[in-house]
Amino acid sequence: MTKSITFIALSIVLLTTGAFATHIDSAFGLRFGDKLNLDSPNVQKIHGIVNDVYRVKPPKPLEGFEEYLVFVTPLNNKIFRIRAIAQYDDLEYARRDFVHLRDVLNDKYNENFKNPGSKKDAQASTSEDGKGKTIESNGNRVNISFVSGRSFVPTSRSNDNFVYFPRVIITYYSEKEDKTVIENEKIERLRNENDGERYRRKRNARSVL
C-alpha cells in the first residue's frame, strides 16, 4: 500500500514517458482501440461484474500505483477505458499526491493544447471540483480523482470487514472506441440468428425422422 509518492520522480515520469502523451490516446503503454491479449499471463478477468474488465500488468506502470484495470468491448476485446489506482495508509499523503498529480496533468495538457498553431481537434476542455479534474480532447478524456470510500477487506477482527482506504484514481476513456452498445447489439443479433437456425434444423429433423 502506498504511503506517499516522490513528487520529483513522479513529475519526471509523467512528463517524459509515454504514460501521458500530448494527445489523450494511450496510458501506461496501453493504447485505445488496441486488442487486449486475453491469453497473456499479465491479464486477469474480473468476474462478477457486467462489463468486460481485466486486471493487467501494463508495459509502463506508474510508481505508486498498484492496480490497473482495462475495459474492453465485448466482441472484439478492444480497449476503451484504462484505470490506475493507488491506495494509501494516510489520508493526507493521498490528498497531497492527488494535488501534485492533478497539477502535473494540468500543466502537461494545457501547455500542449495552448501552443499557437495547434489543430482544432487537439483543443482541450477541463472541468474540476474539489475531488477531481477532467481534461477532454476530441472525444477522449483523462480524469484524476481523490476518494476515501470503503473497501471490503478481511481484517483480524471478525466484525470489522470494512476499512477506509484513501485512493487516487486516474482514468482514461475513449468515447470513440467505446463500442460496447454496438457490439452487444451485434452479439444479440447473432444469438437470435443462431437460435433461428437451430429451430429450423430441429423442425426439419422432426419432419424427416
C-alpha atoms as a PDB file:
ATOM      1  CA  MET A   1       0.000   0.000   0.000  1.00  0.00           C
ATOM      2  CA  THR A   2       1.331   3.422  -0.949  1.00  0.00           C
ATOM      3  CA  LYS A   3       2.434   5.768   1.795  1.00  0.00           C
ATOM      4  CA  SER A   4       3.487   8.629  -0.430  1.00  0.00           C
ATOM      5  CA  ILE A   5       4.993   9.144  -3.844  1.00  0.00           C
ATOM      6  CA  THR A   6       8.189  11.067  -4.516  1.00  0.00           C
ATOM      7  CA  PHE A   7       6.969  14.208  -6.254  1.00  0.00           C
ATOM      8  CA  ILE A   8      10.099  14.927  -8.280  1.00  0.00           C
ATOM      9  CA  ALA A   9      10.303  11.367  -9.583  1.00  0.00           C
ATOM     10  CA  LEU A  10       6.622  11.395 -10.461  1.00  0.00           C
ATOM     11  CA  SER A  11       6.915  14.624 -12.401  1.00  0.00           C
ATOM     12  CA  ILE A  12       9.782  13.229 -14.444  1.00  0.00           C
ATOM     13  CA  VAL A  13       7.869  10.023 -15.206  1.00  0.00           C
ATOM     14  CA  LEU A  14       4.675  11.793 -16.187  1.00  0.00           C
ATOM     15  CA  LEU A  15       6.285  14.442 -18.319  1.00  0.00           C
ATOM     16  CA  THR A  16       8.939  12.415 -20.112  1.00  0.00           C
ATOM     17  CA  THR A  17       7.409   8.967 -20.754  1.00  0.00           C
ATOM     18  CA  GLY A  18       4.560   7.716 -22.910  1.00  0.00           C
ATOM     19  CA  ALA A  19       2.263   7.364 -19.907  1.00  0.00           C
ATOM     20  CA  PHE A  20       0.800  10.784 -20.667  1.00  0.00           C
ATOM     21  CA  ALA A  21       1.118  11.659 -24.330  1.00  0.00           C
ATOM     22  CA  THR A  22       0.194  15.014 -25.859  1.00  0.00           C
ATOM     23  CA  HIS A  23      -2.941  13.501 -27.330  1.00  0.00           C
ATOM     24  CA  ILE A  24      -5.168  11.539 -24.993  1.00  0.00           C
ATOM     25  CA  ASP A  25      -4.912   8.220 -26.804  1.00  0.00           C
ATOM     26  CA  SER A  26      -2.896   5.941 -24.525  1.00  0.00           C
ATOM     27  CA  ALA A  27      -1.746   5.379 -20.970  1.00  0.00           C
ATOM     28  CA  PHE A  28       0.830   3.187 -19.234  1.00  0.00           C
ATOM     29  CA  GLY A  29       1.872   1.609 -22.537  1.00  0.00           C
ATOM     30  CA  LEU A  30      -1.730   0.677 -23.449  1.00  0.00           C
ATOM     31  CA  ARG A  31      -3.496   2.316 -26.394  1.00  0.00           C
ATOM     32  CA  PHE A  32      -7.168   2.931 -27.111  1.00  0.00           C
ATOM     33  CA  GLY A  33      -8.518   0.677 -29.879  1.00  0.00           C
ATOM     34  CA  ASP A  34      -5.814  -1.971 -29.463  1.00  0.00           C
ATOM     35  CA  LYS A  35      -6.995  -5.525 -28.936  1.00  0.00           C
ATOM     36  CA  LEU A  36      -6.222  -6.813 -25.453  1.00  0.00           C
ATOM     37  CA  ASN A  37      -4.437 -10.157 -25.451  1.00  0.00           C
ATOM     38  CA  LEU A  38      -6.679 -12.179 -23.145  1.00  0.00           C
ATOM     39  CA  ASP A  39      -4.245 -15.102 -23.209  1.00  0.00           C
ATOM     40  CA  SER A  40      -1.414 -13.090 -21.713  1.00  0.00           C
ATOM     41  CA  PRO A  41      -0.294 -14.121 -18.210  1.00  0.00           C
ATOM     42  CA  ASN A  42      -0.411 -10.394 -17.363  1.00  0.00           C
ATOM     43  CA  VAL A  43      -4.180 -10.236 -17.987  1.00  0.00           C
ATOM     44  CA  GLN A  44      -6.741 -11.485 -15.476  1.00  0.00           C
ATOM     45  CA  LYS A  45     -10.518 -11.443 -15.948  1.00  0.00           C
ATOM     46  CA  ILE A  46     -12.515  -9.771 -13.179  1.00  0.00           C
ATOM     47  CA  HIS A  47     -15.673 -11.788 -12.589  1.00  0.00           C
ATOM     48  CA  GLY A  48     -18.963 -10.750 -11.053  1.00  0.00           C
ATOM     49  CA  ILE A  49     -19.489  -7.502 -12.988  1.00  0.00           C
ATOM     50  CA  VAL A  50     -21.414  -6.740 -16.170  1.00  0.00           C
ATOM     51  CA  ASN A  51     -18.649  -5.120 -18.191  1.00  0.00           C
ATOM     52  CA  ASP A  52     -15.625  -6.885 -19.691  1.00  0.00           C
ATOM     53  CA  VAL A  53     -12.953  -5.709 -17.261  1.00  0.00           C
ATOM     54  CA  TYR A  54      -9.468  -7.131 -16.792  1.00  0.00           C
ATOM     55  CA  ARG A  55      -6.746  -6.588 -14.226  1.00  0.00           C
ATOM     56  CA  VAL A  56      -3.458  -6.114 -16.070  1.00  0.00           C
ATOM     57  CA  LYS A  57       0.240  -5.512 -15.595  1.00  0.00           C
ATOM     58  CA  PRO A  58       0.855  -2.644 -18.017  1.00  0.00           C
ATOM     59  CA  PRO A  59       4.068  -2.198 -20.017  1.00  0.00           C
ATOM     60  CA  LYS A  60       4.731   1.183 -18.383  1.00  0.00           C
ATOM     61  CA  PRO A  61       3.405   1.243 -14.811  1.00  0.00           C
ATOM     62  CA  LEU A  62       3.401   4.447 -12.781  1.00  0.00           C
ATOM     63  CA  GLU A  63       5.297   4.431  -9.487  1.00  0.00           C
ATOM     64  CA  GLY A  64       2.974   4.116  -6.511  1.00  0.00           C
ATOM     65  CA  PHE A  65       0.016   2.753  -8.482  1.00  0.00           C
ATOM     66  CA  GLU A  66      -0.518  -0.929  -7.736  1.00  0.00           C
ATOM     67  CA  GLU A  67      -3.728  -1.770  -9.594  1.00  0.00           C
ATOM     68  CA  TYR A  68      -4.511  -1.334 -13.310  1.00  0.00           C
ATOM     69  CA  LEU A  69      -7.866  -2.125 -14.888  1.00  0.00           C
ATOM     70  CA  VAL A  70      -8.663  -2.283 -18.605  1.00  0.00           C
ATOM     71  CA  PHE A  71     -12.190  -2.173 -20.012  1.00  0.00           C
ATOM     72  CA  VAL A  72     -12.679  -3.784 -23.436  1.00  0.00           C
ATOM     73  CA  THR A  73     -15.515  -4.178 -25.932  1.00  0.00           C
ATOM     74  CA  PRO A  74     -17.474  -7.451 -25.579  1.00  0.00           C
ATOM     75  CA  LEU A  75     -16.948  -8.800 -29.096  1.00  0.00           C
ATOM     76  CA  ASN A  76     -13.556  -7.602 -30.339  1.00  0.00           C
ATOM     77  CA  ASN A  77     -11.837  -7.054 -26.965  1.00  0.00           C
ATOM     78  CA  LYS A  78     -10.657  -3.564 -27.904  1.00  0.00           C
ATOM     79  CA  ILE A  79      -9.503  -1.188 -25.184  1.00  0.00           C
ATOM     80  CA  PHE A  80     -11.653   1.865 -24.469  1.00  0.00           C
ATOM     81  CA  ARG A  81     -11.001   2.607 -20.786  1.00  0.00           C
ATOM     82  CA  ILE A  82      -7.807   2.361 -18.705  1.00  0.00           C
ATOM     83  CA  ARG A  83      -7.717   2.912 -14.960  1.00  0.00           C
ATOM     84  CA  ALA A  84      -4.872   3.098 -12.442  1.00  0.00           C
ATOM     85  CA  ILE A  85      -5.405   3.058  -8.686  1.00  0.00           C
ATOM     86  CA  ALA A  86      -3.073   3.995  -5.826  1.00  0.00           C
ATOM     87  CA  GLN A  87      -4.109   3.076  -2.298  1.00  0.00           C
ATOM     88  CA  TYR A  88      -2.804   4.838   0.818  1.00  0.00           C
ATOM     89  CA  ASP A  89      -2.423   4.333   4.546  1.00  0.00           C
ATOM     90  CA  ASP A  90      -2.738   8.022   5.258  1.00  0.00           C
ATOM     91  CA  LEU A  91      -5.410  10.474   4.079  1.00  0.00           C
ATOM     92  CA  GLU A  92      -3.078  13.458   3.926  1.00  0.00           C
ATOM     93  CA  TYR A  93      -0.495  11.581   1.847  1.00  0.00           C
ATOM     94  CA  ALA A  94      -3.253  10.664  -0.614  1.00  0.00           C
ATOM     95  CA  ARG A  95      -4.550  14.225  -0.802  1.00  0.00           C
ATOM     96  CA  ARG A  96      -1.039  15.601  -1.314  1.00  0.00           C
ATOM     97  CA  ASP A  97      -0.280  13.182  -4.137  1.00  0.00           C
ATOM     98  CA  PHE A  98      -3.649  13.919  -5.743  1.00  0.00           C
ATOM     99  CA  VAL A  99      -2.951  17.653  -5.808  1.00  0.00           C
ATOM    100  CA  HIS A 100       0.516  17.110  -7.234  1.00  0.00           C
ATOM    101  CA  LEU A 101      -0.620  14.695  -9.947  1.00  0.00           C
ATOM    102  CA  ARG A 102      -3.541  16.924 -10.840  1.00  0.00           C
ATOM    103  CA  ASP A 103      -1.175  19.839 -11.332  1.00  0.00           C
ATOM    104  CA  VAL A 104       1.224  17.734 -13.407  1.00  0.00           C
ATOM    105  CA  LEU A 105      -1.606  16.655 -15.711  1.00  0.00           C
ATOM    106  CA  ASN A 106      -2.926  20.190 -15.950  1.00  0.00           C
ATOM    107  CA  ASP A 107       0.479  21.635 -16.803  1.00  0.00           C
ATOM    108  CA  LYS A 108       1.203  18.884 -19.316  1.00  0.00           C
ATOM    109  CA  TYR A 109      -2.011  19.115 -21.326  1.00  0.00           C
ATOM    110  CA  ASN A 110      -2.714  22.824 -21.034  1.00  0.00           C
ATOM    111  CA  GLU A 111       0.843  23.611 -22.144  1.00  0.00           C
ATOM    112  CA  ASN A 112       0.460  21.441 -25.220  1.00  0.00           C
ATOM    113  CA  PHE A 113      -3.068  22.490 -26.130  1.00  0.00           C
ATOM    114  CA  LYS A 114      -2.316  26.206 -25.721  1.00  0.00           C
ATOM    115  CA  ASN A 115       0.512  26.154 -28.253  1.00  0.00           C
ATOM    116  CA  PRO A 116      -0.140  28.503 -31.187  1.00  0.00           C
ATOM    117  CA  GLY A 117      -0.951  26.588 -34.328  1.00  0.00           C
ATOM    118  CA  SER A 118      -2.494  23.637 -32.524  1.00  0.00           C
ATOM    119  CA  LYS A 119      -5.022  21.815 -34.636  1.00  0.00           C
ATOM    120  CA  LYS A 120      -8.681  22.224 -33.779  1.00  0.00           C
ATOM    121  CA  ASP A 121      -9.053  18.571 -32.812  1.00  0.00           C
ATOM    122  CA  ALA A 122      -6.237  18.978 -30.298  1.00  0.00           C
ATOM    123  CA  GLN A 123      -8.020  21.613 -28.208  1.00  0.00           C
ATOM    124  CA  ALA A 124      -8.815  20.583 -24.632  1.00  0.00           C
ATOM    125  CA  SER A 125     -11.534  21.475 -22.184  1.00  0.00           C
ATOM    126  CA  THR A 126     -11.304  20.975 -18.432  1.00  0.00           C
ATOM    127  CA  SER A 127     -13.736  20.615 -15.572  1.00  0.00           C
ATOM    128  CA  GLU A 128     -12.915  20.362 -11.911  1.00  0.00           C
ATOM    129  CA  ASP A 129     -14.423  20.013  -8.462  1.00  0.00           C
ATOM    130  CA  GLY A 130     -12.861  19.597  -5.044  1.00  0.00           C
ATOM    131  CA  LYS A 131     -12.049  15.916  -5.539  1.00  0.00           C
ATOM    132  CA  GLY A 132     -11.437  15.524  -9.247  1.00  0.00           C
ATOM    133  CA  LYS A 133     -10.334  17.026 -12.527  1.00  0.00           C
ATOM    134  CA  THR A 134     -11.201  16.012 -16.096  1.00  0.00           C
ATOM    135  CA  ILE A 135      -9.365  17.020 -19.262  1.00  0.00           C
ATOM    136  CA  GLU A 136     -11.081  16.212 -22.561  1.00  0.00           C
ATOM    137  CA  SER A 137      -9.908  16.353 -26.160  1.00  0.00           C
ATOM    138  CA  ASN A 138     -11.579  15.099 -29.320  1.00  0.00           C
ATOM    139  CA  GLY A 139     -13.862  12.640 -27.515  1.00  0.00           C
ATOM    140  CA  ASN A 140     -11.104  11.240 -25.297  1.00  0.00           C
ATOM    141  CA  ARG A 141     -10.563  12.265 -21.709  1.00  0.00           C
ATOM    142  CA  VAL A 142      -8.461  11.699 -18.634  1.00  0.00           C
ATOM    143  CA  ASN A 143      -9.820  12.089 -15.123  1.00  0.00           C
ATOM    144  CA  ILE A 144      -7.966  12.148 -11.840  1.00  0.00           C
ATOM    145  CA  SER A 145      -9.936  11.795  -8.641  1.00  0.00           C
ATOM    146  CA  PHE A 146      -9.353  11.569  -4.918  1.00  0.00           C
ATOM    147  CA  VAL A 147     -11.625   9.261  -2.919  1.00  0.00           C
ATOM    148  CA  SER A 148     -11.734   7.838   0.586  1.00  0.00           C
ATOM    149  CA  GLY A 149     -14.547   5.308   0.273  1.00  0.00           C
ATOM    150  CA  ARG A 150     -14.959   1.887   1.822  1.00  0.00           C
ATOM    151  CA  SER A 151     -13.143  -1.249   0.793  1.00  0.00           C
ATOM    152  CA  PHE A 152     -14.310  -4.716   1.752  1.00  0.00           C
ATOM    153  CA  VAL A 153     -11.141  -6.125   3.256  1.00  0.00           C
ATOM    154  CA  PRO A 154     -10.841  -9.026   5.727  1.00  0.00           C
ATOM    155  CA  THR A 155      -9.160  -7.966   8.964  1.00  0.00           C
ATOM    156  CA  SER A 156      -8.112  -9.665  12.165  1.00  0.00           C
ATOM    157  CA  ARG A 157     -11.370  -8.611  13.818  1.00  0.00           C
ATOM    158  CA  SER A 158     -14.321 -10.746  12.744  1.00  0.00           C
ATOM    159  CA  ASN A 159     -16.830  -7.888  12.888  1.00  0.00           C
ATOM    160  CA  ASP A 160     -14.617  -5.336  11.148  1.00  0.00           C
ATOM    161  CA  ASN A 161     -14.741  -6.070   7.437  1.00  0.00           C
ATOM    162  CA  PHE A 162     -14.976  -2.513   6.154  1.00  0.00           C
ATOM    163  CA  VAL A 163     -11.763  -0.490   6.211  1.00  0.00           C
ATOM    164  CA  TYR A 164     -11.335   3.014   4.857  1.00  0.00           C
ATOM    165  CA  PHE A 165      -8.502   3.327   2.355  1.00  0.00           C
ATOM    166  CA  PRO A 166      -7.876   6.684   0.656  1.00  0.00           C
ATOM    167  CA  ARG A 167      -7.214   6.379  -3.069  1.00  0.00           C
ATOM    168  CA  VAL A 168      -6.022   8.355  -6.044  1.00  0.00           C
ATOM    169  CA  ILE A 169      -7.541   7.121  -9.301  1.00  0.00           C
ATOM    170  CA  ILE A 170      -6.529   8.056 -12.854  1.00  0.00           C
ATOM    171  CA  THR A 171      -8.942   7.005 -15.597  1.00  0.00           C
ATOM    172  CA  TYR A 172      -8.517   7.337 -19.351  1.00  0.00           C
ATOM    173  CA  TYR A 173     -11.599   6.945 -21.536  1.00  0.00           C
ATOM    174  CA  SER A 174     -12.251   6.981 -25.292  1.00  0.00           C
ATOM    175  CA  GLU A 175     -15.827   7.593 -26.360  1.00  0.00           C
ATOM    176  CA  LYS A 176     -14.867   6.819 -29.948  1.00  0.00           C
ATOM    177  CA  GLU A 177     -13.535   3.360 -29.062  1.00  0.00           C
ATOM    178  CA  ASP A 178     -16.353   2.521 -26.637  1.00  0.00           C
ATOM    179  CA  LYS A 179     -18.399   0.311 -28.951  1.00  0.00           C
ATOM    180  CA  THR A 180     -19.962  -1.680 -26.125  1.00  0.00           C
ATOM    181  CA  VAL A 181     -23.567  -0.958 -27.125  1.00  0.00           C
ATOM    182  CA  ILE A 182     -22.950  -1.637 -30.827  1.00  0.00           C
ATOM    183  CA  GLU A 183     -21.139  -4.897 -30.173  1.00  0.00           C
ATOM    184  CA  ASN A 184     -23.742  -6.064 -27.649  1.00  0.00           C
ATOM    185  CA  GLU A 185     -26.432  -5.469 -30.271  1.00  0.00           C
ATOM    186  CA  LYS A 186     -24.430  -7.482 -32.790  1.00  0.00           C
ATOM    187  CA  ILE A 187     -23.993 -10.306 -30.283  1.00  0.00           C
ATOM    188  CA  GLU A 188     -27.751 -10.331 -29.710  1.00  0.00           C
ATOM    189  CA  ARG A 189     -28.442 -10.438 -33.465  1.00  0.00           C
ATOM    190  CA  LEU A 190     -26.016 -13.335 -33.891  1.00  0.00           C
ATOM    191  CA  ARG A 191     -27.610 -15.137 -30.984  1.00  0.00           C
ATOM    192  CA  ASN A 192     -31.080 -14.702 -32.500  1.00  0.00           C
ATOM    193  CA  GLU A 193     -29.840 -15.896 -35.897  1.00  0.00           C
ATOM    194  CA  ASN A 194     -28.278 -18.962 -34.306  1.00  0.00           C
ATOM    195  CA  ASP A 195     -31.473 -19.674 -32.375  1.00  0.00           C
ATOM    196  CA  GLY A 196     -33.453 -19.386 -35.606  1.00  0.00           C
ATOM    197  CA  GLU A 197     -31.119 -21.770 -37.407  1.00  0.00           C
ATOM    198  CA  ARG A 198     -31.318 -24.301 -34.578  1.00  0.00           C
ATOM    199  CA  TYR A 199     -35.123 -24.092 -34.640  1.00  0.00           C
ATOM    200  CA  ARG A 200     -35.171 -24.613 -38.437  1.00  0.00           C
ATOM    201  CA  ARG A 201     -32.935 -27.687 -38.183  1.00  0.00           C
ATOM    202  CA  LYS A 202     -34.978 -29.103 -35.319  1.00  0.00           C
ATOM    203  CA  ARG A 203     -38.220 -28.647 -37.273  1.00  0.00           C
ATOM    204  CA  ASN A 204     -36.648 -30.273 -40.332  1.00  0.00           C
ATOM    205  CA  ALA A 205     -35.472 -33.223 -38.240  1.00  0.00           C
ATOM    206  CA  ARG A 206     -38.976 -33.727 -36.893  1.00  0.00           C
ATOM    207  CA  SER A 207     -40.389 -33.889 -40.394  1.00  0.00           C
ATOM    208  CA  VAL A 208     -37.786 -36.373 -41.596  1.00  0.00           C
ATOM    209  CA  LEU A 209     -37.361 -38.708 -38.635  1.00  0.00           C
END
